[in-house]
Amino acid sequence: YRVNYNDWSRFSNVLSSDPSTFQPADRMGLISDVFALTKSGHQPIGTALELIRYLVNGMDQDGYVWKVVERELDFIYTMLKNKSDKEKFEKFVVEKIIASNYVNAKSDDPDSDYFVTITRIACRHKQMNCINYAKQKYTDWLSRGDDVFSSDISDIRSEVFCVAVKSFQTDASEKLWAAFRATTDIGAQREIVQGLGCGDVEVLADMFGRMLAGEVVSSVYSGANDEQEWCREAGARRFCWSFMMNSVSLQSLMDVFPVNKRLVGILANGLSTQSDLIQLTSFLQDNNGKLGSYGSVYKQSLSQIKRNIAWVENNMADLLKKLE
């Protein structure tokens, strides 16, 4: 259940003054609750953004709190469709939320959950210090010829690869693809595929063709519960969703994603347009009675897309004003 309060500004003020007034679990709960309330229509997005403004002062270094923040920022980012709006949001996150946290986390403990999570947020929102750090790590990896699972990159491998793919485009994609084919380490392959998922979906499609989902996703994640880690990346999300909705046959869809029904819901979490709604509605109508136990999952995803559309309608105007 979620807790709504009459005056959220009280919590915003206390957190800005001294976050340690609340235990980490309580801070996580407050942040999770207020963002959930924006999704249910019970609070405007401005209330949630006001609550987390305290993070800019660098006094909250709890990795678990930042993981909750990361999840909510990722959701907002996926709801933005316009490139200029995404750029404004990136600037907002870097200046109003990350600020000095990246430098503090890096100097404090580069192996901590705090640093790893801050690095993911900073790089995804194009904080230049983080981008340059990731580029250097990628370049060092290439020059040394290290195993792709090098401990030097630690827990930010996928972010390093993601930055490389976005920065160096096809060249980095080809090198990572070669590394993927050269290693038999499943963990390393997963990290590479997650990084590749940050690339442009057209580049991915040209490189792997329609065998991408079959050869990469099935071989790396077959029988596991992790394929969503790759498919949740911006470029790969659309690729996976398109594959699922336009599969040659329903059987081929089930073959590629054999056990993980959660993947459908995770992909739907990032969809918020009428065309997405129409596409899934048509898929359900065309395959009525053929989906078996998957049917309820797809129907839940239909409801999720409707909620996302409602979130955009209720919050986007307010959010864009905050970003000005």
Protein backbone atom coordinates (compact mmCIF):
# COMPACT_ATOMS: atom_id res chain seq x y z
CA TYR A 1 0.00 0.00 0.00
CA ARG A 2 1.04 3.63 -0.41
CA VAL A 3 0.86 6.47 2.08
CA ASN A 4 -0.30 9.91 1.00
CA TYR A 5 0.21 12.97 3.19
CA ASN A 6 -1.59 16.30 3.32
CA ASP A 7 1.67 18.25 3.36
CA TRP A 8 4.62 16.68 1.58
CA SER A 9 6.58 19.92 1.91
CA ARG A 10 7.25 19.05 5.57
CA PHE A 11 9.27 16.04 4.48
CA SER A 12 11.01 18.02 1.75
CA ASN A 13 12.15 20.61 4.29
CA VAL A 14 13.35 18.06 6.84
CA LEU A 15 15.27 16.09 4.22
CA SER A 16 16.91 19.24 2.90
CA SER A 17 17.98 20.16 6.43
CA ASP A 18 19.14 16.75 7.67
CA PRO A 19 18.37 13.53 5.73
CA SER A 20 19.57 11.40 8.63
CA THR A 21 16.44 12.47 10.55
CA PHE A 22 14.85 9.56 8.70
CA GLN A 23 16.40 6.12 8.47
CA PRO A 24 17.41 4.98 4.94
CA ALA A 25 14.42 2.62 4.77
CA ASP A 26 12.10 5.53 5.60
CA ARG A 27 13.71 7.75 2.96
CA MET A 28 13.31 4.97 0.42
CA GLY A 29 9.66 4.60 1.42
CA LEU A 30 8.90 8.30 1.11
CA ILE A 31 10.50 8.56 -2.32
CA SER A 32 8.87 5.37 -3.58
CA ASP A 33 5.45 6.44 -2.23
CA VAL A 34 5.42 9.93 -3.70
CA PHE A 35 6.42 8.76 -7.17
CA ALA A 36 3.85 5.95 -7.03
CA LEU A 37 1.23 8.56 -6.13
CA THR A 38 2.10 10.55 -9.26
CA LYS A 39 1.41 7.40 -11.27
CA SER A 40 -1.97 6.87 -9.63
CA GLY A 41 -2.94 10.51 -10.10
CA HIS A 42 -2.94 11.38 -6.40
CA GLN A 43 0.06 13.74 -6.49
CA PRO A 44 1.55 15.97 -9.21
CA ILE A 45 5.05 15.22 -10.45
CA GLY A 46 6.21 18.51 -8.96
CA THR A 47 5.66 17.14 -5.45
CA ALA A 48 7.93 14.17 -6.16
CA LEU A 49 10.67 16.30 -7.70
CA GLU A 50 10.51 18.70 -4.79
CA LEU A 51 10.95 15.81 -2.33
CA ILE A 52 14.20 14.61 -3.93
CA ARG A 53 15.74 18.05 -4.37
CA TYR A 54 17.62 17.45 -1.09
CA LEU A 55 19.84 14.94 -2.91
CA VAL A 56 21.75 17.74 -4.61
CA ASN A 57 23.54 18.60 -1.36
CA GLY A 58 25.38 15.25 -1.36
CA MET A 59 24.40 14.36 2.21
CA ASP A 60 22.51 11.17 1.31
CA GLN A 61 25.04 8.54 0.31
CA ASP A 62 22.91 5.46 0.85
CA GLY A 63 23.14 3.25 -2.23
CA TYR A 64 19.70 1.74 -1.73
CA VAL A 65 18.04 5.16 -1.58
CA TRP A 66 19.76 6.09 -4.82
CA LYS A 67 18.58 2.86 -6.47
CA VAL A 68 14.98 3.91 -5.78
CA VAL A 69 15.74 7.34 -7.24
CA GLU A 70 17.38 5.71 -10.25
CA ARG A 71 14.28 3.63 -10.95
CA GLU A 72 11.97 6.62 -10.80
CA LEU A 73 14.20 8.82 -12.97
CA ASP A 74 14.40 6.02 -15.54
CA PHE A 75 10.61 5.87 -15.64
CA ILE A 76 10.29 9.61 -16.26
CA TYR A 77 12.94 9.46 -18.97
CA THR A 78 11.09 6.70 -20.81
CA MET A 79 7.92 8.79 -20.78
CA LEU A 80 9.67 11.64 -22.62
CA LYS A 81 9.47 11.19 -26.39
CA ASN A 82 10.75 14.53 -27.67
CA LYS A 83 14.53 14.80 -28.02
CA SER A 84 14.67 18.36 -26.70
CA ASP A 85 12.57 17.37 -23.68
CA LYS A 86 14.95 14.49 -22.96
CA GLU A 87 17.89 16.88 -23.14
CA LYS A 88 16.19 19.27 -20.70
CA PHE A 89 15.52 16.41 -18.30
CA GLU A 90 19.14 15.24 -18.56
CA LYS A 91 20.31 18.76 -17.71
CA PHE A 92 17.87 18.90 -14.78
CA VAL A 93 19.09 15.58 -13.36
CA VAL A 94 22.76 16.52 -13.73
CA GLU A 95 22.40 19.97 -12.18
CA LYS A 96 19.57 19.53 -9.66
CA ILE A 97 20.05 15.95 -8.48
CA ILE A 98 23.51 14.60 -9.30
CA ALA A 99 25.53 17.82 -8.88
CA SER A 100 28.58 16.99 -6.74
CA ASN A 101 27.37 13.49 -5.85
CA TYR A 102 29.33 11.87 -8.68
CA VAL A 103 32.64 13.40 -7.58
CA ASN A 104 31.92 12.63 -3.93
CA ALA A 105 31.00 9.02 -4.65
CA LYS A 106 34.03 8.42 -6.85
CA SER A 107 36.49 9.79 -4.30
CA ASP A 108 34.74 8.12 -1.37
CA ASP A 109 34.55 4.49 -2.47
CA PRO A 110 34.57 3.52 -6.18
CA ASP A 111 33.25 0.06 -5.34
CA SER A 112 30.29 1.15 -3.21
CA ASP A 113 26.63 0.84 -4.18
CA TYR A 114 26.50 4.63 -3.92
CA PHE A 115 29.19 5.13 -6.55
CA VAL A 116 27.90 2.42 -8.88
CA THR A 117 24.34 3.78 -8.82
CA ILE A 118 25.44 7.42 -9.12
CA THR A 119 27.62 6.44 -12.07
CA ARG A 120 24.71 4.78 -13.84
CA ILE A 121 22.48 7.81 -13.31
CA ALA A 122 25.20 10.31 -14.24
CA CYS A 123 26.25 8.53 -17.43
CA ARG A 124 22.68 7.88 -18.57
CA HIS A 125 21.92 11.58 -18.19
CA LYS A 126 25.12 12.63 -19.96
CA GLN A 127 27.06 14.13 -17.08
CA MET A 128 30.34 14.90 -18.83
CA ASN A 129 32.71 13.82 -16.04
CA CYS A 130 31.03 10.44 -16.03
CA ILE A 131 30.99 10.19 -19.82
CA ASN A 132 34.70 10.97 -20.00
CA TYR A 133 35.43 8.48 -17.22
CA ALA A 134 33.53 5.74 -19.05
CA LYS A 135 35.20 6.57 -22.37
CA GLN A 136 38.61 6.30 -20.72
CA LYS A 137 37.71 2.97 -19.14
CA TYR A 138 36.58 1.68 -22.53
CA THR A 139 39.75 2.92 -24.24
CA ASP A 140 41.92 1.36 -21.53
CA TRP A 141 40.11 -1.94 -21.97
CA LEU A 142 40.75 -1.90 -25.72
CA SER A 143 44.40 -0.93 -25.41
CA ARG A 144 45.21 -3.59 -22.81
CA GLY A 145 43.27 -6.34 -24.50
CA ASP A 146 41.90 -7.39 -21.13
CA ASP A 147 39.21 -9.95 -20.73
CA VAL A 148 35.90 -8.15 -21.10
CA PHE A 149 35.02 -9.16 -17.55
CA SER A 150 37.97 -7.19 -16.20
CA SER A 151 37.64 -6.22 -12.55
CA ASP A 152 38.97 -2.79 -13.49
CA ILE A 153 35.51 -1.90 -14.78
CA SER A 154 33.87 -3.57 -11.79
CA ASP A 155 30.10 -3.19 -11.54
CA ILE A 156 29.79 -0.44 -14.16
CA ARG A 157 30.75 -2.54 -17.17
CA SER A 158 27.39 -2.16 -18.91
CA GLU A 159 27.52 1.62 -18.40
CA VAL A 160 31.05 1.78 -19.83
CA PHE A 161 29.93 -0.22 -22.85
CA CYS A 162 26.75 1.84 -23.14
CA VAL A 163 28.72 5.10 -23.26
CA ALA A 164 31.10 3.59 -25.80
CA VAL A 165 28.26 2.52 -28.07
CA LYS A 166 26.61 5.95 -27.86
CA SER A 167 29.91 7.79 -28.33
CA PHE A 168 31.66 5.68 -30.94
CA GLN A 169 28.57 4.23 -32.61
CA THR A 170 29.20 1.43 -35.12
CA ASP A 171 32.90 1.07 -34.32
CA ALA A 172 32.24 0.30 -30.65
CA SER A 173 29.27 -1.89 -31.50
CA GLU A 174 31.37 -3.99 -33.83
CA LYS A 175 34.18 -4.37 -31.27
CA LEU A 176 31.74 -5.37 -28.56
CA TRP A 177 29.99 -7.78 -30.89
CA ALA A 178 33.37 -9.37 -31.64
CA ALA A 179 34.06 -9.60 -27.89
CA PHE A 180 30.65 -11.21 -27.39
CA ARG A 181 31.44 -13.87 -29.98
CA ALA A 182 34.94 -14.45 -28.57
CA THR A 183 33.99 -15.15 -24.96
CA THR A 184 32.14 -18.07 -23.47
CA ASP A 185 31.62 -16.28 -20.16
CA ILE A 186 27.85 -15.87 -19.86
CA GLY A 187 28.22 -13.03 -17.37
CA ALA A 188 30.48 -11.14 -19.76
CA GLN A 189 28.10 -11.74 -22.64
CA ARG A 190 25.22 -10.30 -20.63
CA GLU A 191 27.18 -7.15 -19.85
CA ILE A 192 28.08 -6.70 -23.52
CA VAL A 193 24.53 -7.22 -24.71
CA GLN A 194 23.23 -4.69 -22.17
CA GLY A 195 25.75 -2.18 -23.50
CA LEU A 196 24.80 -2.90 -27.08
CA GLY A 197 21.19 -2.26 -26.15
CA CYS A 198 22.05 1.42 -25.65
CA GLY A 199 22.76 1.80 -29.35
CA ASP A 200 20.43 2.96 -32.08
CA VAL A 201 17.88 0.29 -32.84
CA GLU A 202 18.51 0.58 -36.58
CA VAL A 203 22.23 -0.03 -36.09
CA LEU A 204 21.39 -3.05 -33.97
CA ALA A 205 18.99 -4.36 -36.58
CA ASP A 206 21.53 -3.92 -39.39
CA MET A 207 24.25 -5.62 -37.38
CA PHE A 208 22.32 -8.59 -36.07
CA GLY A 209 19.32 -8.74 -38.36
CA ARG A 210 16.26 -10.54 -37.09
CA MET A 211 18.54 -13.17 -35.60
CA LEU A 212 19.44 -10.72 -32.83
CA ALA A 213 16.67 -11.84 -30.52
CA GLY A 214 17.11 -15.50 -31.37
CA GLU A 215 20.89 -15.71 -31.27
CA VAL A 216 21.70 -13.19 -28.56
CA VAL A 217 18.75 -13.05 -26.19
CA SER A 218 17.97 -16.76 -26.30
CA SER A 219 21.58 -17.95 -26.11
CA VAL A 220 22.53 -15.66 -23.25
CA TYR A 221 19.33 -15.68 -21.25
CA SER A 222 17.60 -18.93 -22.16
CA GLY A 223 15.84 -20.32 -19.11
CA ALA A 224 16.96 -17.40 -16.96
CA ASN A 225 15.10 -14.42 -15.55
CA ASP A 226 17.46 -11.77 -16.86
CA GLU A 227 16.59 -11.01 -20.47
CA GLN A 228 14.72 -7.93 -19.33
CA GLU A 229 18.07 -6.40 -18.32
CA TRP A 230 18.97 -6.10 -21.97
CA CYS A 231 15.51 -5.42 -23.34
CA ARG A 232 14.92 -2.57 -20.88
CA GLU A 233 17.70 -0.50 -22.55
CA ALA A 234 16.35 2.33 -24.67
CA GLY A 235 17.22 1.02 -28.12
CA ALA A 236 16.69 -2.63 -27.32
CA ARG A 237 13.30 -2.03 -25.71
CA ARG A 238 11.78 -1.01 -29.00
CA PHE A 239 13.54 -3.83 -30.80
CA CYS A 240 12.25 -6.44 -28.35
CA TRP A 241 8.75 -5.01 -28.38
CA SER A 242 8.66 -4.87 -32.17
CA PHE A 243 9.90 -8.45 -32.36
CA MET A 244 7.21 -9.59 -29.97
CA MET A 245 4.40 -7.76 -31.72
CA ASN A 246 5.51 -8.63 -35.26
CA SER A 247 6.87 -12.11 -34.72
CA VAL A 248 6.58 -14.40 -37.73
CA SER A 249 4.44 -16.66 -35.61
CA LEU A 250 3.26 -16.86 -32.05
CA GLN A 251 5.34 -19.99 -31.63
CA SER A 252 8.54 -18.20 -32.60
CA LEU A 253 7.70 -15.57 -29.98
CA MET A 254 7.36 -18.24 -27.31
CA ASP A 255 10.57 -19.91 -28.49
CA VAL A 256 12.59 -16.72 -28.11
CA PHE A 257 11.11 -15.78 -24.73
CA PRO A 258 10.40 -19.25 -23.37
CA VAL A 259 9.82 -18.75 -19.67
CA ASN A 260 10.02 -15.14 -18.66
CA LYS A 261 6.54 -13.70 -18.77
CA ARG A 262 7.75 -10.73 -16.74
CA LEU A 263 9.57 -9.46 -19.82
CA VAL A 264 6.28 -8.47 -21.42
CA GLY A 265 5.35 -6.32 -18.44
CA ILE A 266 8.79 -4.76 -18.18
CA LEU A 267 8.69 -3.71 -21.83
CA ALA A 268 5.19 -2.30 -21.38
CA ASN A 269 6.43 -0.17 -18.47
CA GLY A 270 8.29 2.01 -20.95
CA LEU A 271 5.47 2.43 -23.49
CA SER A 272 3.08 5.37 -23.37
CA THR A 273 1.69 6.20 -26.80
CA GLN A 274 -1.63 5.52 -28.48
CA SER A 275 0.19 3.60 -31.22
CA ASP A 276 1.64 1.25 -28.59
CA LEU A 277 -1.85 0.74 -27.19
CA ILE A 278 -3.32 0.06 -30.62
CA GLN A 279 -0.52 -2.35 -31.50
CA LEU A 280 -0.95 -4.44 -28.38
CA THR A 281 -4.75 -4.36 -28.64
CA SER A 282 -4.52 -5.66 -32.20
CA PHE A 283 -2.07 -8.36 -31.14
CA LEU A 284 -4.45 -9.55 -28.44
CA GLN A 285 -7.38 -9.58 -30.84
CA ASP A 286 -5.43 -11.47 -33.51
CA ASN A 287 -4.20 -14.07 -31.02
CA ASN A 288 -7.29 -14.41 -28.87
CA GLY A 289 -7.33 -17.85 -27.27
CA LYS A 290 -3.79 -18.72 -28.41
CA LEU A 291 -1.75 -17.10 -25.66
CA GLY A 292 -2.58 -19.53 -22.88
CA SER A 293 -1.13 -18.38 -19.57
CA TYR A 294 0.54 -15.48 -21.35
CA GLY A 295 -2.86 -13.93 -22.02
CA SER A 296 -3.25 -12.42 -18.55
CA VAL A 297 0.26 -10.95 -18.73
CA TYR A 298 -0.49 -9.21 -22.01
CA LYS A 299 -3.77 -7.88 -20.64
CA GLN A 300 -1.97 -6.50 -17.60
CA SER A 301 0.50 -4.86 -19.98
CA LEU A 302 -2.40 -3.28 -21.82
CA SER A 303 -3.53 -1.76 -18.52
CA GLN A 304 0.03 -0.57 -17.83
CA ILE A 305 0.23 1.25 -21.15
CA LYS A 306 -3.11 2.92 -20.40
CA ARG A 307 -1.76 4.04 -17.00
CA ASN A 308 1.37 5.39 -18.66
CA ILE A 309 -0.71 7.34 -21.16
CA ALA A 310 -2.70 8.77 -18.24
CA TRP A 311 0.56 9.68 -16.44
CA VAL A 312 1.74 11.60 -19.50
CA GLU A 313 -1.58 13.43 -19.77
CA ASN A 314 -1.61 14.33 -16.06
CA ASN A 315 2.06 15.16 -15.50
CA MET A 316 3.86 16.10 -18.69
CA ALA A 317 2.86 19.77 -18.77
CA ASP A 318 3.87 20.23 -15.12
CA LEU A 319 7.13 18.35 -15.67
CA LEU A 320 8.11 20.44 -18.68
CA LYS A 321 7.49 23.62 -16.70
CA LYS A 322 9.85 22.33 -13.99
CA LEU A 323 12.50 21.72 -16.64
CA GLU A 324 12.44 25.26 -18.02
